[in-house]
């Protein structure tokens, strides 16, 4: 389970940064930066936070509702157009920079989930598997995931037939079938191979 071991090794104000949505075929990539109140963190967060992929949707929502009362939070995103133009890695790094910039205070150091550092104005420490090690990164993982999932569920109301309410843009069989039968939407990542295979089908942009 994540704890504050990594944070204790850092001087000053520490923020954790993580993203959600690198792998889906549709929708933006979203990043979050979180500075936790370490001394007053309630038990539910101290022992409940983890890599968002290991948590149930209900647990993620509960934790995301608690975090604003015990953390400073910044959220950033990169659009589908930016993903296609720059590639998913560069778009992800841009979203991370935007998340840190959205904080209401500048951190002294950022703990980044992964092994590629974004170009931040503060020192950066990359941590592979960081969302399972650092509570700050785990909090960012939860916020990023919940924020993106909510966005995809809203888009699902406008674009029925792709299963976004449940698959949130990932390439599930339902989503693949939607691509074949309905074509592309403005929210599909045309640079991703499974979407490129569907370019021969009629796009919903033209309907």
Protein backbone atom coordinates (compact mmCIF):
# COMPACT_ATOMS: atom_id res chain seq x y z
CA UNK A 1 0.00 0.00 0.00
CA UNK A 2 1.22 3.54 -0.68
CA UNK A 3 2.51 5.69 2.18
CA UNK A 4 4.51 8.88 2.72
CA UNK A 5 7.98 7.31 2.57
CA UNK A 6 8.87 9.01 -0.71
CA UNK A 7 7.45 12.33 0.41
CA UNK A 8 9.53 12.24 3.62
CA UNK A 9 12.68 11.99 1.53
CA UNK A 10 11.84 15.27 -0.21
CA UNK A 11 12.35 18.79 1.11
CA UNK A 12 9.54 21.32 0.98
CA UNK A 13 6.10 21.09 -0.54
CA UNK A 14 5.59 17.83 -2.45
CA UNK A 15 2.97 17.17 -5.09
CA UNK A 16 2.12 13.84 -6.67
CA UNK A 17 1.28 13.74 -10.38
CA UNK A 18 -0.42 11.02 -12.38
CA UNK A 19 -2.55 10.65 -15.50
CA UNK A 20 -5.53 8.69 -16.75
CA UNK A 21 -6.39 7.82 -20.31
CA UNK A 22 -3.21 6.99 -22.19
CA UNK A 23 -4.62 3.78 -23.65
CA UNK A 24 -8.22 4.53 -24.74
CA UNK A 25 -9.26 4.94 -28.36
CA UNK A 26 -11.34 8.03 -27.57
CA UNK A 27 -11.33 11.04 -25.29
CA UNK A 28 -8.63 13.27 -23.81
CA UNK A 29 -5.78 12.31 -21.52
CA UNK A 30 -6.26 13.84 -18.07
CA UNK A 31 -3.63 14.50 -15.40
CA UNK A 32 -3.90 15.55 -11.77
CA UNK A 33 -1.43 17.12 -9.35
CA UNK A 34 -2.17 16.70 -5.64
CA UNK A 35 -0.54 18.14 -2.51
CA UNK A 36 -1.85 16.26 0.52
CA UNK A 37 -2.17 17.61 4.06
CA UNK A 38 0.07 14.94 5.48
CA UNK A 39 -0.34 15.77 9.18
CA UNK A 40 -4.14 15.89 9.13
CA UNK A 41 -4.95 13.22 6.55
CA UNK A 42 -7.98 11.22 7.72
CA UNK A 43 -7.77 7.47 8.10
CA UNK A 44 -10.11 6.91 5.13
CA UNK A 45 -7.56 8.55 2.81
CA UNK A 46 -4.37 7.40 4.53
CA UNK A 47 -5.42 3.74 4.31
CA UNK A 48 -7.86 3.90 1.41
CA UNK A 49 -5.82 5.56 -1.33
CA UNK A 50 -4.15 3.27 -3.83
CA UNK A 51 -3.46 2.92 -7.53
CA UNK A 52 -6.83 3.88 -9.03
CA UNK A 53 -6.83 0.76 -11.22
CA UNK A 54 -6.95 -1.38 -8.06
CA UNK A 55 -9.98 0.42 -6.65
CA UNK A 56 -13.63 -0.09 -7.46
CA UNK A 57 -15.47 2.79 -9.17
CA UNK A 58 -17.44 3.33 -5.96
CA UNK A 59 -14.26 3.54 -3.85
CA UNK A 60 -12.69 5.97 -6.32
CA UNK A 61 -15.72 8.24 -6.18
CA UNK A 62 -15.75 8.20 -2.37
CA UNK A 63 -12.05 9.06 -2.17
CA UNK A 64 -12.37 11.76 -4.82
CA UNK A 65 -15.16 13.35 -2.78
CA UNK A 66 -12.97 13.41 0.36
CA UNK A 67 -9.77 14.70 -1.21
CA UNK A 68 -10.70 18.37 -1.83
CA UNK A 69 -11.09 18.87 1.93
CA UNK A 70 -7.57 17.59 2.64
CA UNK A 71 -5.52 18.46 -0.43
CA UNK A 72 -4.64 21.08 -2.99
CA UNK A 73 -5.62 19.78 -6.42
CA UNK A 74 -4.75 20.82 -9.96
CA UNK A 75 -6.19 19.19 -13.08
CA UNK A 76 -4.92 19.39 -16.64
CA UNK A 77 -5.82 17.70 -19.91
CA UNK A 78 -4.71 17.30 -23.50
CA UNK A 79 -7.32 17.00 -26.24
CA UNK A 80 -7.72 14.31 -28.86
CA UNK A 81 -6.45 16.77 -31.47
CA UNK A 82 -3.31 17.35 -29.42
CA UNK A 83 -2.82 13.61 -28.92
CA UNK A 84 -3.02 13.03 -32.67
CA UNK A 85 -0.73 15.95 -33.47
CA UNK A 86 1.96 15.45 -30.82
CA UNK A 87 1.61 11.72 -29.89
CA UNK A 88 0.22 10.34 -26.64
CA UNK A 89 3.43 10.64 -24.62
CA UNK A 90 3.96 14.33 -25.39
CA UNK A 91 0.27 15.04 -24.83
CA UNK A 92 0.44 13.28 -21.46
CA UNK A 93 3.47 15.32 -20.39
CA UNK A 94 1.66 18.51 -21.45
CA UNK A 95 -1.39 17.52 -19.39
CA UNK A 96 0.87 16.94 -16.37
CA UNK A 97 2.44 20.39 -16.77
CA UNK A 98 -1.04 21.93 -16.93
CA UNK A 99 -2.13 20.07 -13.80
CA UNK A 100 0.83 21.39 -11.80
CA UNK A 101 0.26 24.90 -13.17
CA UNK A 102 -3.38 24.67 -12.01
CA UNK A 103 -2.35 24.27 -8.36
CA UNK A 104 -2.94 27.36 -6.24
CA UNK A 105 0.60 27.11 -4.85
CA UNK A 106 3.89 26.13 -6.49
CA UNK A 107 5.33 22.84 -5.24
CA UNK A 108 8.99 22.49 -4.32
CA UNK A 109 9.20 19.06 -5.95
CA UNK A 110 6.92 16.82 -7.99
CA UNK A 111 6.72 13.04 -7.73
CA UNK A 112 5.73 11.75 -11.17
CA UNK A 113 4.26 8.33 -11.84
CA UNK A 114 6.32 6.69 -14.60
CA UNK A 115 9.83 7.09 -15.96
CA UNK A 116 9.57 10.16 -18.20
CA UNK A 117 9.75 13.57 -16.48
CA UNK A 118 7.53 16.39 -17.73
CA UNK A 119 9.25 19.78 -18.18
CA UNK A 120 8.13 21.36 -14.91
CA UNK A 121 9.52 24.54 -13.32
CA UNK A 122 10.29 22.60 -10.12
CA UNK A 123 12.54 19.58 -9.50
CA UNK A 124 11.03 16.26 -10.57
CA UNK A 125 11.44 12.70 -9.32
CA UNK A 126 10.00 9.96 -11.53
CA UNK A 127 8.71 6.83 -9.78
CA UNK A 128 7.82 3.69 -11.71
CA UNK A 129 4.68 2.25 -10.16
CA UNK A 130 4.43 5.39 -8.07
CA UNK A 131 0.66 5.19 -7.64
CA UNK A 132 1.22 2.05 -5.57
CA UNK A 133 4.04 3.58 -3.51
CA UNK A 134 3.29 7.25 -2.83
CA UNK A 135 0.06 8.49 -1.27
CA UNK A 136 0.41 11.79 -3.16
CA UNK A 137 0.68 10.01 -6.51
CA UNK A 138 -2.15 7.62 -5.57
CA UNK A 139 -4.35 10.63 -4.82
CA UNK A 140 -3.48 12.13 -8.20
CA UNK A 141 -4.26 8.78 -9.83
CA UNK A 142 -7.74 8.75 -8.27
CA UNK A 143 -8.52 12.36 -9.18
CA UNK A 144 -7.34 11.94 -12.77
CA UNK A 145 -9.29 8.70 -13.25
CA UNK A 146 -12.52 9.98 -11.70
CA UNK A 147 -12.34 13.25 -13.65
CA UNK A 148 -11.81 11.50 -16.97
CA UNK A 149 -14.43 8.81 -16.35
CA UNK A 150 -17.04 11.46 -15.57
CA UNK A 151 -16.20 13.27 -18.80
CA UNK A 152 -16.52 10.09 -20.86
CA UNK A 153 -19.87 9.26 -19.25
CA UNK A 154 -21.13 12.71 -20.24
CA UNK A 155 -19.92 12.17 -23.81
CA UNK A 156 -21.70 8.81 -23.84
CA UNK A 157 -25.02 10.67 -23.60
CA UNK A 158 -24.23 12.42 -26.90
CA UNK A 159 -22.60 9.48 -28.67
CA UNK A 160 -24.59 6.32 -28.00
CA UNK A 161 -23.49 2.95 -29.30
CA UNK A 162 -19.82 2.94 -28.23
CA UNK A 163 -20.28 1.92 -24.61
CA UNK A 164 -18.39 4.91 -23.23
CA UNK A 165 -20.55 4.96 -20.10
CA UNK A 166 -18.79 1.78 -18.99
CA UNK A 167 -15.63 1.38 -21.11
CA UNK A 168 -14.76 5.13 -20.91
CA UNK A 169 -13.19 5.00 -24.35
CA UNK A 170 -11.10 1.84 -24.08
CA UNK A 171 -11.15 -0.59 -26.99
CA UNK A 172 -13.67 -3.10 -25.67
CA UNK A 173 -15.65 -5.34 -28.07
CA UNK A 174 -18.65 -3.01 -27.70
CA UNK A 175 -16.53 -0.01 -28.62
CA UNK A 176 -14.97 -1.84 -31.57
CA UNK A 177 -18.42 -2.81 -32.82
CA UNK A 178 -19.58 0.79 -32.49
CA UNK A 179 -16.67 1.90 -34.65
CA UNK A 180 -17.63 -0.63 -37.33
CA UNK A 181 -21.33 0.16 -37.34
CA UNK A 182 -21.38 3.89 -36.55
CA UNK A 183 -17.99 5.18 -37.69
CA UNK A 184 -15.82 7.77 -35.97
CA UNK A 185 -16.73 10.68 -33.72
CA UNK A 186 -14.75 13.89 -33.19
CA UNK A 187 -13.51 12.33 -29.96
CA UNK A 188 -11.74 9.34 -31.50
CA UNK A 189 -7.93 9.28 -31.64
CA UNK A 190 -7.19 8.91 -35.31
CA UNK A 191 -3.49 8.26 -34.69
CA UNK A 192 -4.28 5.03 -32.80
CA UNK A 193 -4.05 1.88 -34.94
CA UNK A 194 -7.49 0.38 -34.11
CA UNK A 195 -9.12 3.70 -35.03
CA UNK A 196 -7.11 3.96 -38.26
CA UNK A 197 -8.53 0.59 -39.26
CA UNK A 198 -12.00 2.12 -38.98
CA UNK A 199 -11.28 5.18 -41.13
CA UNK A 200 -12.92 3.50 -44.10
CA UNK A 201 -16.25 3.67 -42.32
CA UNK A 202 -18.44 6.75 -42.41
CA UNK A 203 -17.56 9.32 -39.79
CA UNK A 204 -20.32 10.67 -37.57
CA UNK A 205 -18.81 14.14 -38.05
CA UNK A 206 -20.29 14.16 -41.55
CA UNK A 207 -23.77 13.01 -40.58
